[in-house]
Amino acid sequence: WDNGGSALYTQITALLAEKGIFWTKNTIITLLSRLI
């Protein structure tokens, strides 16, 4: 949402890192799949 409503995986990981969140790729992909 903060990225204007869309983002690529690399943007998502960078934005999470800015918030101090460092999840593994598998965790992020799993969460994204659940949201889909």
Full PDB file with SEQRES, HELIX, SHEET, SSBOND, CRYST1, ORIGX, SCALE, CONECT and MASTER records, all heavy atoms in Angstrom:
SEQRES   1 A   36  TRP ASP ASN GLY GLY SER ALA LEU TYR THR GLN ILE THR          
SEQRES   2 A   36  ALA LEU LEU ALA GLU LYS GLY ILE PHE TRP THR LYS ASN          
SEQRES   3 A   36  THR ILE ILE THR LEU LEU SER ARG LEU ILE                      
HELIX    1 AA1 TYR A    9  GLU A   18  1                                  10    
HELIX    2 AA2 LYS A   25  LEU A   35  1                                  11    
CRYST1    1.000    1.000    1.000  90.00  90.00  90.00 P 1           1          
ORIGX1      1.000000  0.000000  0.000000        0.00000                         
ORIGX2      0.000000  1.000000  0.000000        0.00000                         
ORIGX3      0.000000  0.000000  1.000000        0.00000                         
SCALE1      1.000000  0.000000  0.000000        0.00000                         
SCALE2      0.000000  1.000000  0.000000        0.00000                         
SCALE3      0.000000  0.000000  1.000000        0.00000                         
ATOM      1  N   TRP A   1       0.844  -1.204   0.000  1.00  0.00           N  
ATOM      2  CA  TRP A   1       0.000   0.000   0.000  1.00  0.00           C  
ATOM      3  C   TRP A   1       0.874   1.247   0.000  1.00  0.00           C  
ATOM      4  O   TRP A   1       0.618   2.194  -0.750  1.00  0.00           O  
ATOM      5  CB  TRP A   1      -0.914   0.036   1.221  1.00  0.00           C  
ATOM      6  CG  TRP A   1      -2.125  -0.848   1.160  1.00  0.00           C  
ATOM      7  CD1 TRP A   1      -2.907  -1.097   0.062  1.00  0.00           C  
ATOM      8  CD2 TRP A   1      -2.713  -1.574   2.231  1.00  0.00           C  
ATOM      9  NE1 TRP A   1      -3.936  -1.943   0.397  1.00  0.00           N  
ATOM     10  CE2 TRP A   1      -3.852  -2.250   1.728  1.00  0.00           C  
ATOM     11  CE3 TRP A   1      -2.403  -1.722   3.584  1.00  0.00           C  
ATOM     12  CZ2 TRP A   1      -4.664  -3.053   2.514  1.00  0.00           C  
ATOM     13  CZ3 TRP A   1      -3.215  -2.522   4.371  1.00  0.00           C  
ATOM     14  CH2 TRP A   1      -4.328  -3.182   3.837  1.00  0.00           C  
ATOM     15  N   ASP A   2       1.908   1.263   0.837  1.00  0.00           N  
ATOM     16  CA  ASP A   2       2.804   2.422   0.929  1.00  0.00           C  
ATOM     17  C   ASP A   2       3.600   2.648  -0.349  1.00  0.00           C  
ATOM     18  O   ASP A   2       4.114   3.738  -0.578  1.00  0.00           O  
ATOM     19  CB  ASP A   2       3.771   2.279   2.105  1.00  0.00           C  
ATOM     20  CG  ASP A   2       3.074   2.402   3.461  1.00  0.00           C  
ATOM     21  OD1 ASP A   2       1.909   2.855   3.498  1.00  0.00           O  
ATOM     22  OD2 ASP A   2       3.700   2.029   4.472  1.00  0.00           O  
ATOM     23  N   ASN A   3       3.693   1.609  -1.176  1.00  0.00           N  
ATOM     24  CA  ASN A   3       4.435   1.704  -2.436  1.00  0.00           C  
ATOM     25  C   ASN A   3       3.496   2.039  -3.606  1.00  0.00           C  
ATOM     26  O   ASN A   3       3.833   1.827  -4.756  1.00  0.00           O  
ATOM     27  CB  ASN A   3       5.182   0.385  -2.702  1.00  0.00           C  
ATOM     28  CG  ASN A   3       6.282   0.536  -3.717  1.00  0.00           C  
ATOM     29  OD1 ASN A   3       7.164   1.368  -3.571  1.00  0.00           O  
ATOM     30  ND2 ASN A   3       6.230  -0.280  -4.770  1.00  0.00           N  
ATOM     31  N   GLY A   4       2.323   2.542  -3.303  1.00  0.00           N  
ATOM     32  CA  GLY A   4       1.395   2.936  -4.356  1.00  0.00           C  
ATOM     33  C   GLY A   4       0.454   1.834  -4.805  1.00  0.00           C  
ATOM     34  O   GLY A   4      -0.222   1.972  -5.822  1.00  0.00           O  
ATOM     35  N   GLY A   5       0.432   0.711  -4.092  1.00  0.00           N  
ATOM     36  CA  GLY A   5      -0.513  -0.356  -4.416  1.00  0.00           C  
ATOM     37  C   GLY A   5       0.049  -1.489  -5.234  1.00  0.00           C  
ATOM     38  O   GLY A   5      -0.664  -2.442  -5.537  1.00  0.00           O  
ATOM     39  N   SER A   6       1.327  -1.409  -5.596  1.00  0.00           N  
ATOM     40  CA  SER A   6       1.955  -2.524  -6.312  1.00  0.00           C  
ATOM     41  C   SER A   6       3.454  -2.516  -6.030  1.00  0.00           C  
ATOM     42  O   SER A   6       4.029  -1.475  -5.710  1.00  0.00           O  
ATOM     43  CB  SER A   6       1.700  -2.442  -7.815  1.00  0.00           C  
ATOM     44  OG  SER A   6       2.387  -1.343  -8.368  1.00  0.00           O  
ATOM     45  N   ALA A   7       4.051  -3.707  -6.127  1.00  0.00           N  
ATOM     46  CA  ALA A   7       5.493  -3.812  -5.874  1.00  0.00           C  
ATOM     47  C   ALA A   7       6.028  -5.126  -6.417  1.00  0.00           C  
ATOM     48  O   ALA A   7       5.315  -6.135  -6.460  1.00  0.00           O  
ATOM     49  CB  ALA A   7       5.783  -3.716  -4.376  1.00  0.00           C  
ATOM     50  N   LEU A   8       7.270  -5.092  -6.811  1.00  0.00           N  
ATOM     51  CA  LEU A   8       7.998  -6.300  -7.186  1.00  0.00           C  
ATOM     52  C   LEU A   8       8.592  -6.912  -5.921  1.00  0.00           C  
ATOM     53  O   LEU A   8       8.744  -6.229  -4.907  1.00  0.00           O  
ATOM     54  CB  LEU A   8       9.115  -5.963  -8.174  1.00  0.00           C  
ATOM     55  CG  LEU A   8       8.686  -5.337  -9.496  1.00  0.00           C  
ATOM     56  CD1 LEU A   8       9.900  -4.833 -10.268  1.00  0.00           C  
ATOM     57  CD2 LEU A   8       7.897  -6.340 -10.335  1.00  0.00           C  
ATOM     58  N   TYR A   9       8.952  -8.185  -5.987  1.00  0.00           N  
ATOM     59  CA  TYR A   9       9.520  -8.866  -4.828  1.00  0.00           C  
ATOM     60  C   TYR A   9      10.720  -8.096  -4.260  1.00  0.00           C  
ATOM     61  O   TYR A   9      10.805  -7.906  -3.043  1.00  0.00           O  
ATOM     62  CB  TYR A   9       9.935 -10.301  -5.206  1.00  0.00           C  
ATOM     63  CG  TYR A   9      10.682 -10.993  -4.109  1.00  0.00           C  
ATOM     64  CD1 TYR A   9      10.003 -11.581  -3.049  1.00  0.00           C  
ATOM     65  CD2 TYR A   9      12.075 -11.026  -4.104  1.00  0.00           C  
ATOM     66  CE1 TYR A   9      10.687 -12.192  -2.012  1.00  0.00           C  
ATOM     67  CE2 TYR A   9      12.766 -11.632  -3.067  1.00  0.00           C  
ATOM     68  CZ  TYR A   9      12.065 -12.210  -2.028  1.00  0.00           C  
ATOM     69  OH  TYR A   9      12.756 -12.810  -1.004  1.00  0.00           O  
ATOM     70  N   THR A  10      11.619  -7.617  -5.128  1.00  0.00           N  
ATOM     71  CA  THR A  10      12.809  -6.902  -4.643  1.00  0.00           C  
ATOM     72  C   THR A  10      12.432  -5.613  -3.914  1.00  0.00           C  
ATOM     73  O   THR A  10      13.067  -5.251  -2.937  1.00  0.00           O  
ATOM     74  CB  THR A  10      13.786  -6.581  -5.796  1.00  0.00           C  
ATOM     75  OG1 THR A  10      13.070  -5.881  -6.829  1.00  0.00           O  
ATOM     76  CG2 THR A  10      14.394  -7.840  -6.381  1.00  0.00           C  
ATOM     77  N   GLN A  11      11.394  -4.945  -4.390  1.00  0.00           N  
ATOM     78  CA  GLN A  11      10.923  -3.745  -3.705  1.00  0.00           C  
ATOM     79  C   GLN A  11      10.340  -4.098  -2.339  1.00  0.00           C  
ATOM     80  O   GLN A  11      10.576  -3.391  -1.357  1.00  0.00           O  
ATOM     81  CB  GLN A  11       9.859  -3.029  -4.549  1.00  0.00           C  
ATOM     82  CG  GLN A  11      10.388  -2.439  -5.835  1.00  0.00           C  
ATOM     83  CD  GLN A  11       9.270  -1.914  -6.713  1.00  0.00           C  
ATOM     84  OE1 GLN A  11       8.295  -2.620  -6.981  1.00  0.00           O  
ATOM     85  NE2 GLN A  11       9.408  -0.666  -7.154  1.00  0.00           N  
ATOM     86  N   ILE A  12       9.607  -5.193  -2.287  1.00  0.00           N  
ATOM     87  CA  ILE A  12       9.000  -5.630  -1.023  1.00  0.00           C  
ATOM     88  C   ILE A  12      10.085  -5.924   0.002  1.00  0.00           C  
ATOM     89  O   ILE A  12      10.001  -5.461   1.145  1.00  0.00           O  
ATOM     90  CB  ILE A  12       8.082  -6.853  -1.250  1.00  0.00           C  
ATOM     91  CG1 ILE A  12       6.862  -6.442  -2.074  1.00  0.00           C  
ATOM     92  CG2 ILE A  12       7.671  -7.488   0.088  1.00  0.00           C  
ATOM     93  CD1 ILE A  12       6.025  -7.603  -2.593  1.00  0.00           C  
ATOM     94  N   THR A  13      11.123  -6.658  -0.394  1.00  0.00           N  
ATOM     95  CA  THR A  13      12.183  -6.990   0.565  1.00  0.00           C  
ATOM     96  C   THR A  13      12.913  -5.733   1.023  1.00  0.00           C  
ATOM     97  O   THR A  13      13.255  -5.611   2.195  1.00  0.00           O  
ATOM     98  CB  THR A  13      13.186  -8.008  -0.017  1.00  0.00           C  
ATOM     99  OG1 THR A  13      13.740  -7.497  -1.233  1.00  0.00           O  
ATOM    100  CG2 THR A  13      12.527  -9.355  -0.273  1.00  0.00           C  
ATOM    101  N   ALA A  14      13.130  -4.787   0.121  1.00  0.00           N  
ATOM    102  CA  ALA A  14      13.797  -3.530   0.493  1.00  0.00           C  
ATOM    103  C   ALA A  14      12.936  -2.721   1.461  1.00  0.00           C  
ATOM    104  O   ALA A  14      13.445  -2.174   2.449  1.00  0.00           O  
ATOM    105  CB  ALA A  14      14.115  -2.707  -0.760  1.00  0.00           C  
ATOM    106  N   LEU A  15      11.634  -2.650   1.197  1.00  0.00           N  
ATOM    107  CA  LEU A  15      10.729  -1.905   2.070  1.00  0.00           C  
ATOM    108  C   LEU A  15      10.606  -2.568   3.441  1.00  0.00           C  
ATOM    109  O   LEU A  15      10.543  -1.878   4.462  1.00  0.00           O  
ATOM    110  CB  LEU A  15       9.353  -1.770   1.415  1.00  0.00           C  
ATOM    111  CG  LEU A  15       9.326  -0.889   0.159  1.00  0.00           C  
ATOM    112  CD1 LEU A  15       8.026  -1.084  -0.611  1.00  0.00           C  
ATOM    113  CD2 LEU A  15       9.509   0.582   0.526  1.00  0.00           C  
ATOM    114  N   LEU A  16      10.592  -3.894   3.472  1.00  0.00           N  
ATOM    115  CA  LEU A  16      10.568  -4.605   4.752  1.00  0.00           C  
ATOM    116  C   LEU A  16      11.855  -4.333   5.533  1.00  0.00           C  
ATOM    117  O   LEU A  16      11.819  -4.097   6.739  1.00  0.00           O  
ATOM    118  CB  LEU A  16      10.388  -6.109   4.539  1.00  0.00           C  
ATOM    119  CG  LEU A  16       8.996  -6.576   4.111  1.00  0.00           C  
ATOM    120  CD1 LEU A  16       9.028  -8.051   3.724  1.00  0.00           C  
ATOM    121  CD2 LEU A  16       7.965  -6.340   5.197  1.00  0.00           C  
ATOM    122  N   ALA A  17      12.984  -4.357   4.824  1.00  0.00           N  
ATOM    123  CA  ALA A  17      14.276  -4.110   5.478  1.00  0.00           C  
ATOM    124  C   ALA A  17      14.317  -2.712   6.097  1.00  0.00           C  
ATOM    125  O   ALA A  17      14.880  -2.527   7.181  1.00  0.00           O  
ATOM    126  CB  ALA A  17      15.415  -4.294   4.480  1.00  0.00           C  
ATOM    127  N   GLU A  18      13.716  -1.732   5.415  1.00  0.00           N  
ATOM    128  CA  GLU A  18      13.643  -0.372   5.965  1.00  0.00           C  
ATOM    129  C   GLU A  18      12.891  -0.345   7.290  1.00  0.00           C  
ATOM    130  O   GLU A  18      13.140   0.511   8.133  1.00  0.00           O  
ATOM    131  CB  GLU A  18      12.951   0.575   4.975  1.00  0.00           C  
ATOM    132  CG  GLU A  18      13.800   0.938   3.778  1.00  0.00           C  
ATOM    133  CD  GLU A  18      13.040   1.816   2.791  1.00  0.00           C  
ATOM    134  OE1 GLU A  18      11.968   2.378   3.145  1.00  0.00           O  
ATOM    135  OE2 GLU A  18      13.511   1.948   1.642  1.00  0.00           O  
ATOM    136  N   LYS A  19      11.958  -1.287   7.460  1.00  0.00           N  
ATOM    137  CA  LYS A  19      11.185  -1.394   8.705  1.00  0.00           C  
ATOM    138  C   LYS A  19      11.872  -2.308   9.719  1.00  0.00           C  
ATOM    139  O   LYS A  19      11.326  -2.566  10.780  1.00  0.00           O  
ATOM    140  CB  LYS A  19       9.784  -1.952   8.409  1.00  0.00           C  
ATOM    141  CG  LYS A  19       8.891  -1.041   7.628  1.00  0.00           C  
ATOM    142  CD  LYS A  19       7.544  -1.736   7.405  1.00  0.00           C  
ATOM    143  CE  LYS A  19       6.445  -0.704   7.443  1.00  0.00           C  
ATOM    144  NZ  LYS A  19       5.133  -1.289   7.658  1.00  0.00           N  
ATOM    145  N   GLY A  20      13.050  -2.835   9.341  1.00  0.00           N  
ATOM    146  CA  GLY A  20      13.765  -3.734  10.244  1.00  0.00           C  
ATOM    147  C   GLY A  20      13.255  -5.165  10.214  1.00  0.00           C  
ATOM    148  O   GLY A  20      13.489  -5.934  11.134  1.00  0.00           O  
ATOM    149  N   ILE A  21      12.542  -5.524   9.147  1.00  0.00           N  
ATOM    150  CA  ILE A  21      11.990  -6.875   9.006  1.00  0.00           C  
ATOM    151  C   ILE A  21      12.820  -7.619   7.968  1.00  0.00           C  
ATOM    152  O   ILE A  21      12.891  -7.205   6.808  1.00  0.00           O  
ATOM    153  CB  ILE A  21      10.509  -6.827   8.595  1.00  0.00           C  
ATOM    154  CG1 ILE A  21       9.691  -6.062   9.639  1.00  0.00           C  
ATOM    155  CG2 ILE A  21       9.956  -8.232   8.371  1.00  0.00           C  
ATOM    156  CD1 ILE A  21       8.252  -5.760   9.230  1.00  0.00           C  
ATOM    157  N   PHE A  22      13.424  -8.723   8.385  1.00  0.00           N  
ATOM    158  CA  PHE A  22      14.296  -9.503   7.497  1.00  0.00           C  
ATOM    159  C   PHE A  22      13.813 -10.952   7.461  1.00  0.00           C  
ATOM    160  O   PHE A  22      14.349 -11.815   8.141  1.00  0.00           O  
ATOM    161  CB  PHE A  22      15.751  -9.420   7.979  1.00  0.00           C  
ATOM    162  CG  PHE A  22      16.268  -8.012   8.011  1.00  0.00           C  
ATOM    163  CD1 PHE A  22      16.246  -7.276   9.187  1.00  0.00           C  
ATOM    164  CD2 PHE A  22      16.749  -7.403   6.859  1.00  0.00           C  
ATOM    165  CE1 PHE A  22      16.703  -5.966   9.225  1.00  0.00           C  
ATOM    166  CE2 PHE A  22      17.204  -6.088   6.875  1.00  0.00           C  
ATOM    167  CZ  PHE A  22      17.181  -5.374   8.071  1.00  0.00           C  
ATOM    168  N   TRP A  23      12.773 -11.195   6.666  1.00  0.00           N  
ATOM    169  CA  TRP A  23      12.236 -12.539   6.521  1.00  0.00           C  
ATOM    170  C   TRP A  23      12.956 -13.257   5.392  1.00  0.00           C  
ATOM    171  O   TRP A  23      13.467 -12.625   4.460  1.00  0.00           O  
ATOM    172  CB  TRP A  23      10.746 -12.488   6.202  1.00  0.00           C  
ATOM    173  CG  TRP A  23       9.878 -12.018   7.327  1.00  0.00           C  
ATOM    174  CD1 TRP A  23      10.083 -12.212   8.663  1.00  0.00           C  
ATOM    175  CD2 TRP A  23       8.653 -11.293   7.231  1.00  0.00           C  
ATOM    176  NE1 TRP A  23       9.068 -11.657   9.403  1.00  0.00           N  
ATOM    177  CE2 TRP A  23       8.164 -11.087   8.544  1.00  0.00           C  
ATOM    178  CE3 TRP A  23       7.913 -10.810   6.164  1.00  0.00           C  
ATOM    179  CZ2 TRP A  23       6.986 -10.419   8.808  1.00  0.00           C  
ATOM    180  CZ3 TRP A  23       6.728 -10.138   6.429  1.00  0.00           C  
ATOM    181  CH2 TRP A  23       6.270  -9.945   7.736  1.00  0.00           C  
ATOM    182  N   THR A  24      12.938 -14.590   5.432  1.00  0.00           N  
ATOM    183  CA  THR A  24      13.538 -15.380   4.359  1.00  0.00           C  
ATOM    184  C   THR A  24      12.661 -15.265   3.108  1.00  0.00           C  
ATOM    185  O   THR A  24      11.475 -14.920   3.189  1.00  0.00           O  
ATOM    186  CB  THR A  24      13.659 -16.865   4.742  1.00  0.00           C  
ATOM    187  OG1 THR A  24      12.338 -17.407   4.890  1.00  0.00           O  
ATOM    188  CG2 THR A  24      14.476 -17.054   6.015  1.00  0.00           C  
ATOM    189  N   LYS A  25      13.260 -15.598   1.983  1.00  0.00           N  
ATOM    190  CA  LYS A  25      12.517 -15.560   0.720  1.00  0.00           C  
ATOM    191  C   LYS A  25      11.306 -16.488   0.787  1.00  0.00           C  
ATOM    192  O   LYS A  25      10.215 -16.120   0.356  1.00  0.00           O  
ATOM    193  CB  LYS A  25      13.431 -15.969  -0.444  1.00  0.00           C  
ATOM    194  CG  LYS A  25      12.736 -15.949  -1.784  1.00  0.00           C  
ATOM    195  CD  LYS A  25      13.665 -16.285  -2.918  1.00  0.00           C  
ATOM    196  CE  LYS A  25      12.921 -16.177  -4.244  1.00  0.00           C  
ATOM    197  NZ  LYS A  25      13.781 -16.420  -5.388  1.00  0.00           N  
ATOM    198  N   ASN A  26      11.493 -17.692   1.346  1.00  0.00           N  
ATOM    199  CA  ASN A  26      10.382 -18.640   1.447  1.00  0.00           C  
ATOM    200  C   ASN A  26       9.237 -18.078   2.272  1.00  0.00           C  
ATOM    201  O   ASN A  26       8.060 -18.268   1.925  1.00  0.00           O  
ATOM    202  CB  ASN A  26      10.846 -19.971   2.052  1.00  0.00           C  
ATOM    203  CG  ASN A  26      11.638 -20.797   1.055  1.00  0.00           C  
ATOM    204  OD1 ASN A  26      11.602 -20.550  -0.134  1.00  0.00           O  
ATOM    205  ND2 ASN A  26      12.355 -21.777   1.566  1.00  0.00           N  
ATOM    206  N   THR A  27       9.549 -17.393   3.358  1.00  0.00           N  
ATOM    207  CA  THR A  27       8.511 -16.800   4.205  1.00  0.00           C  
ATOM    208  C   THR A  27       7.731 -15.748   3.428  1.00  0.00           C  
ATOM    209  O   THR A  27       6.488 -15.743   3.442  1.00  0.00           O  
ATOM    210  CB  THR A  27       9.134 -16.175   5.477  1.00  0.00           C  
ATOM    211  OG1 THR A  27       9.765 -17.209   6.226  1.00  0.00           O  
ATOM    212  CG2 THR A  27       8.086 -15.474   6.329  1.00  0.00           C  
ATOM    213  N   ILE A  28       8.432 -14.880   2.745  1.00  0.00           N  
ATOM    214  CA  ILE A  28       7.772 -13.808   1.979  1.00  0.00           C  
ATOM    215  C   ILE A  28       6.903 -14.394   0.874  1.00  0.00           C  
ATOM    216  O   ILE A  28       5.742 -13.990   0.709  1.00  0.00           O  
ATOM    217  CB  ILE A  28       8.809 -12.815   1.422  1.00  0.00           C  
ATOM    218  CG1 ILE A  28       9.505 -12.084   2.578  1.00  0.00           C  
ATOM    219  CG2 ILE A  28       8.141 -11.815   0.464  1.00  0.00           C  
ATOM    220  CD1 ILE A  28      10.698 -11.256   2.164  1.00  0.00           C  
ATOM    221  N   ILE A  29       7.432 -15.359   0.131  1.00  0.00           N  
ATOM    222  CA  ILE A  29       6.672 -15.972  -0.965  1.00  0.00           C  
ATOM    223  C   ILE A  29       5.428 -16.681  -0.422  1.00  0.00           C  
ATOM    224  O   ILE A  29       4.344 -16.594  -1.004  1.00  0.00           O  
ATOM    225  CB  ILE A  29       7.560 -16.939  -1.778  1.00  0.00           C  
ATOM    226  CG1 ILE A  29       8.701 -16.177  -2.470  1.00  0.00           C  
ATOM    227  CG2 ILE A  29       6.743 -17.737  -2.787  1.00  0.00           C  
ATOM    228  CD1 ILE A  29       8.267 -15.111  -3.457  1.00  0.00           C  
ATOM    229  N   THR A  30       5.568 -17.373   0.700  1.00  0.00           N  
ATOM    230  CA  THR A  30       4.421 -18.054   1.321  1.00  0.00           C  
ATOM    231  C   THR A  30       3.354 -17.046   1.728  1.00  0.00           C  
ATOM    232  O   THR A  30       2.159 -17.243   1.456  1.00  0.00           O  
ATOM    233  CB  THR A  30       4.869 -18.878   2.549  1.00  0.00           C  
ATOM    234  OG1 THR A  30       5.783 -19.888   2.108  1.00  0.00           O  
ATOM    235  CG2 THR A  30       3.686 -19.523   3.263  1.00  0.00           C  
ATOM    236  N   LEU A  31       3.773 -15.955   2.365  1.00  0.00           N  
ATOM    237  CA  LEU A  31       2.814 -14.929   2.789  1.00  0.00           C  
ATOM    238  C   LEU A  31       2.135 -14.277   1.592  1.00  0.00           C  
ATOM    239  O   LEU A  31       0.921 -14.037   1.611  1.00  0.00           O  
ATOM    240  CB  LEU A  31       3.508 -13.886   3.660  1.00  0.00           C  
ATOM    241  CG  LEU A  31       4.007 -14.385   5.025  1.00  0.00           C  
ATOM    242  CD1 LEU A  31       4.866 -13.315   5.695  1.00  0.00           C  
ATOM    243  CD2 LEU A  31       2.846 -14.784   5.919  1.00  0.00           C  
ATOM    244  N   LEU A  32       2.895 -13.994   0.545  1.00  0.00           N  
ATOM    245  CA  LEU A  32       2.318 -13.402  -0.665  1.00  0.00           C  
ATOM    246  C   LEU A  32       1.302 -14.360  -1.292  1.00  0.00           C  
ATOM    247  O   LEU A  32       0.221 -13.942  -1.724  1.00  0.00           O  
ATOM    248  CB  LEU A  32       3.415 -13.044  -1.671  1.00  0.00           C  
ATOM    249  CG  LEU A  32       4.297 -11.858  -1.298  1.00  0.00           C  
ATOM    250  CD1 LEU A  32       5.524 -11.789  -2.207  1.00  0.00           C  
ATOM    251  CD2 LEU A  32       3.516 -10.555  -1.344  1.00  0.00           C  
ATOM    252  N   SER A  33       1.628 -15.657  -1.311  1.00  0.00           N  
ATOM    253  CA  SER A  33       0.709 -16.663  -1.862  1.00  0.00           C  
ATOM    254  C   SER A  33      -0.589 -16.707  -1.071  1.00  0.00           C  
ATOM    255  O   SER A  33      -1.682 -16.823  -1.649  1.00  0.00           O  
ATOM    256  CB  SER A  33       1.363 -18.052  -1.855  1.00  0.00           C  
ATOM    257  OG  SER A  33       2.468 -18.067  -2.715  1.00  0.00           O  
ATOM    258  N   ARG A  34      -0.481 -16.613   0.241  1.00  0.00           N  
ATOM    259  CA  ARG A  34      -1.686 -16.607   1.081  1.00  0.00           C  
ATOM    260  C   ARG A  34      -2.552 -15.390   0.807  1.00  0.00           C  
ATOM    261  O   ARG A  34      -3.785 -15.477   0.772  1.00  0.00           O  
ATOM    262  CB  ARG A  34      -1.316 -16.655   2.560  1.00  0.00           C  
ATOM    263  CG  ARG A  34      -0.762 -17.985   2.996  1.00  0.00           C  
ATOM    264  CD  ARG A  34      -0.403 -17.958   4.461  1.00  0.00           C  
ATOM    265  NE  ARG A  34       0.282 -19.175   4.852  1.00  0.00           N  
ATOM    266  CZ  ARG A  34       0.969 -19.310   5.970  1.00  0.00           C  
ATOM    267  NH1 ARG A  34       1.085 -18.294   6.819  1.00  0.00           N  
ATOM    268  NH2 ARG A  34       1.558 -20.446   6.262  1.00  0.00           N  
ATOM    269  N   LEU A  35      -1.905 -14.241   0.604  1.00  0.00           N  
ATOM    270  CA  LEU A  35      -2.652 -13.019   0.303  1.00  0.00           C  
ATOM    271  C   LEU A  35      -3.356 -13.118  -1.046  1.00  0.00           C  
ATOM    272  O   LEU A  35      -4.455 -12.587  -1.218  1.00  0.00           O  
ATOM    273  CB  LEU A  35      -1.723 -11.805   0.347  1.00  0.00           C  
ATOM    274  CG  LEU A  35      -1.265 -11.409   1.750  1.00  0.00           C  
ATOM    275  CD1 LEU A  35      -0.106 -10.431   1.692  1.00  0.00           C  
ATOM    276  CD2 LEU A  35      -2.433 -10.831   2.552  1.00  0.00           C  
ATOM    277  N   ILE A  36      -2.734 -13.815  -1.987  1.00  0.00           N  
ATOM    278  CA  ILE A  36      -3.367 -14.046  -3.295  1.00  0.00           C  
ATOM    279  C   ILE A  36      -4.568 -14.969  -3.125  1.00  0.00           C  
ATOM    280  O   ILE A  36      -5.645 -14.713  -3.667  1.00  0.00           O  
ATOM    281  CB  ILE A  36      -2.343 -14.602  -4.302  1.00  0.00           C  
ATOM    282  CG1 ILE A  36      -1.303 -13.522  -4.630  1.00  0.00           C  
ATOM    283  CG2 ILE A  36      -3.036 -15.110  -5.568  1.00  0.00           C  
ATOM    284  CD1 ILE A  36      -0.068 -14.024  -5.341  1.00  0.00           C  
TER     285      ILE A  36                                                      
MASTER        0    0    0    2    0    0    0    6  284    1    0    3          
END                                                                             
